[in-house]
Amino acid sequence: MKSSNRERPLYEVKANLFKGLAHPVRIRLLELMSTEPEVAVGALLVDTGLEPSHLSQHLAVLRKHNLVVAERRSSQVYYRLAYADVADLLSVARSLLVQILATTQRQLESLDS
């Protein structure tokens, strides 16, 4: 029987959250959603160039991990970030990557000296 999140150590719950983030396409989808209050599936298809079935699979993973929510209006489905903190997480990750790349660049330059 599967245990609930409440019974699992926080580090396991966090790791599960990061599984939801562990694909470049899903990161891109979250970045697209972080710039608008909501984004239509059609716009996500255009922006990513994905096949509809692949987009649907990635969106399902993001929904499963509670990172996005969907709302159907008429024949269109709109997605938005489930929490504003998701956009903050992406921003912190971007900042961390810039720092890591700068450190790596300095290390490479010191090898050339």
Protein backbone atom coordinates (compact mmCIF):
# COMPACT_ATOMS: atom_id res chain seq x y z
CA MET A 1 0.00 0.00 0.00
CA LYS A 2 1.32 3.42 -0.96
CA SER A 3 1.98 5.78 1.96
CA SER A 4 0.67 9.32 1.91
CA ASN A 5 2.97 12.32 1.63
CA ARG A 6 2.24 13.08 5.27
CA GLU A 7 3.84 9.80 6.34
CA ARG A 8 6.95 10.20 4.20
CA PRO A 9 10.07 12.16 5.19
CA LEU A 10 10.10 15.65 3.72
CA TYR A 11 13.23 14.93 1.67
CA GLU A 12 11.36 12.13 -0.14
CA VAL A 13 8.43 14.43 -0.89
CA LYS A 14 10.89 17.06 -2.18
CA ALA A 15 12.61 14.48 -4.38
CA ASN A 16 9.24 13.54 -5.84
CA LEU A 17 8.57 17.20 -6.63
CA PHE A 18 11.87 17.41 -8.47
CA LYS A 19 10.92 14.33 -10.50
CA GLY A 20 8.12 16.46 -11.90
CA LEU A 21 10.72 19.03 -12.94
CA ALA A 22 13.19 16.50 -14.31
CA HIS A 23 12.66 17.05 -18.03
CA PRO A 24 13.67 20.01 -20.22
CA VAL A 25 10.24 20.16 -21.85
CA ARG A 26 8.50 20.42 -18.49
CA ILE A 27 10.85 23.19 -17.41
CA ARG A 28 10.08 25.02 -20.66
CA LEU A 29 6.35 24.61 -20.12
CA LEU A 30 6.63 26.01 -16.61
CA GLU A 31 8.71 28.92 -17.87
CA LEU A 32 6.07 29.70 -20.50
CA MET A 33 3.34 29.58 -17.85
CA SER A 34 5.35 31.78 -15.50
CA THR A 35 5.13 34.71 -17.93
CA GLU A 36 1.33 34.76 -18.24
CA PRO A 37 -1.61 34.33 -15.85
CA GLU A 38 -2.70 31.36 -18.00
CA VAL A 39 -1.72 29.77 -21.30
CA ALA A 40 -3.93 27.91 -23.76
CA VAL A 41 -2.86 24.45 -24.84
CA GLY A 42 -2.78 25.66 -28.45
CA ALA A 43 -0.21 28.30 -27.54
CA LEU A 44 1.88 25.70 -25.69
CA LEU A 45 1.82 23.51 -28.80
CA VAL A 46 3.04 26.40 -30.96
CA ASP A 47 5.70 27.55 -28.48
CA THR A 48 7.14 24.08 -27.90
CA GLY A 49 6.63 22.46 -31.30
CA LEU A 50 5.57 19.25 -29.57
CA GLU A 51 3.12 16.72 -30.89
CA PRO A 52 -0.19 17.01 -29.01
CA SER A 53 0.23 13.57 -27.41
CA HIS A 54 3.71 14.43 -26.09
CA LEU A 55 2.52 17.76 -24.72
CA SER A 56 -0.39 16.02 -23.03
CA GLN A 57 1.97 13.53 -21.35
CA HIS A 58 4.20 16.30 -19.98
CA LEU A 59 1.24 18.34 -18.77
CA ALA A 60 -0.12 15.23 -17.03
CA VAL A 61 3.17 14.84 -15.13
CA LEU A 62 3.09 18.50 -14.10
CA ARG A 63 -0.51 18.09 -12.90
CA LYS A 64 0.37 14.87 -11.04
CA HIS A 65 3.10 16.73 -9.14
CA ASN A 66 0.76 19.66 -8.38
CA LEU A 67 2.85 22.15 -10.32
CA VAL A 68 0.08 23.28 -12.70
CA VAL A 69 -3.69 23.37 -12.84
CA ALA A 70 -5.94 23.14 -15.88
CA GLU A 71 -9.27 24.74 -16.65
CA ARG A 72 -11.49 23.84 -19.58
CA ARG A 73 -13.49 26.67 -21.07
CA SER A 74 -15.58 25.77 -24.07
CA SER A 75 -13.36 23.75 -26.40
CA GLN A 76 -10.07 25.15 -25.08
CA VAL A 77 -7.99 24.09 -22.07
CA TYR A 78 -5.93 26.66 -20.19
CA TYR A 79 -3.02 25.96 -17.89
CA ARG A 80 -1.49 28.03 -15.14
CA LEU A 81 1.04 27.54 -12.40
CA ALA A 82 -0.54 26.00 -9.33
CA TYR A 83 1.60 28.21 -7.08
CA ALA A 84 3.47 31.46 -7.69
CA ASP A 85 6.42 29.88 -5.88
CA VAL A 86 6.97 27.66 -8.94
CA ALA A 87 8.06 30.75 -10.88
CA ASP A 88 10.31 31.73 -7.97
CA LEU A 89 11.85 28.24 -7.98
CA LEU A 90 12.63 28.56 -11.68
CA SER A 91 14.19 31.97 -11.10
CA VAL A 92 16.38 30.68 -8.27
CA ALA A 93 17.45 27.72 -10.42
CA ARG A 94 18.39 30.11 -13.24
CA SER A 95 20.43 32.25 -10.84
CA LEU A 96 22.19 29.19 -9.43
CA LEU A 97 23.04 27.96 -12.93
CA VAL A 98 24.52 31.34 -13.86
CA GLN A 99 26.73 31.18 -10.78
CA ILE A 100 27.79 27.60 -11.53
CA LEU A 101 28.62 28.46 -15.14
CA ALA A 102 30.62 31.52 -14.06
CA THR A 103 32.62 29.41 -11.60
CA THR A 104 33.25 26.77 -14.25
CA GLN A 105 34.34 29.46 -16.72
CA ARG A 106 36.81 30.89 -14.19
CA GLN A 107 38.20 27.43 -13.49
CA LEU A 108 38.68 26.77 -17.21
CA GLU A 109 40.36 30.13 -17.69
CA SER A 110 42.74 29.41 -14.80
CA LEU A 111 43.76 26.17 -16.52
CA ASP A 112 44.68 28.15 -19.67
CA SER A 113 46.89 30.55 -17.69
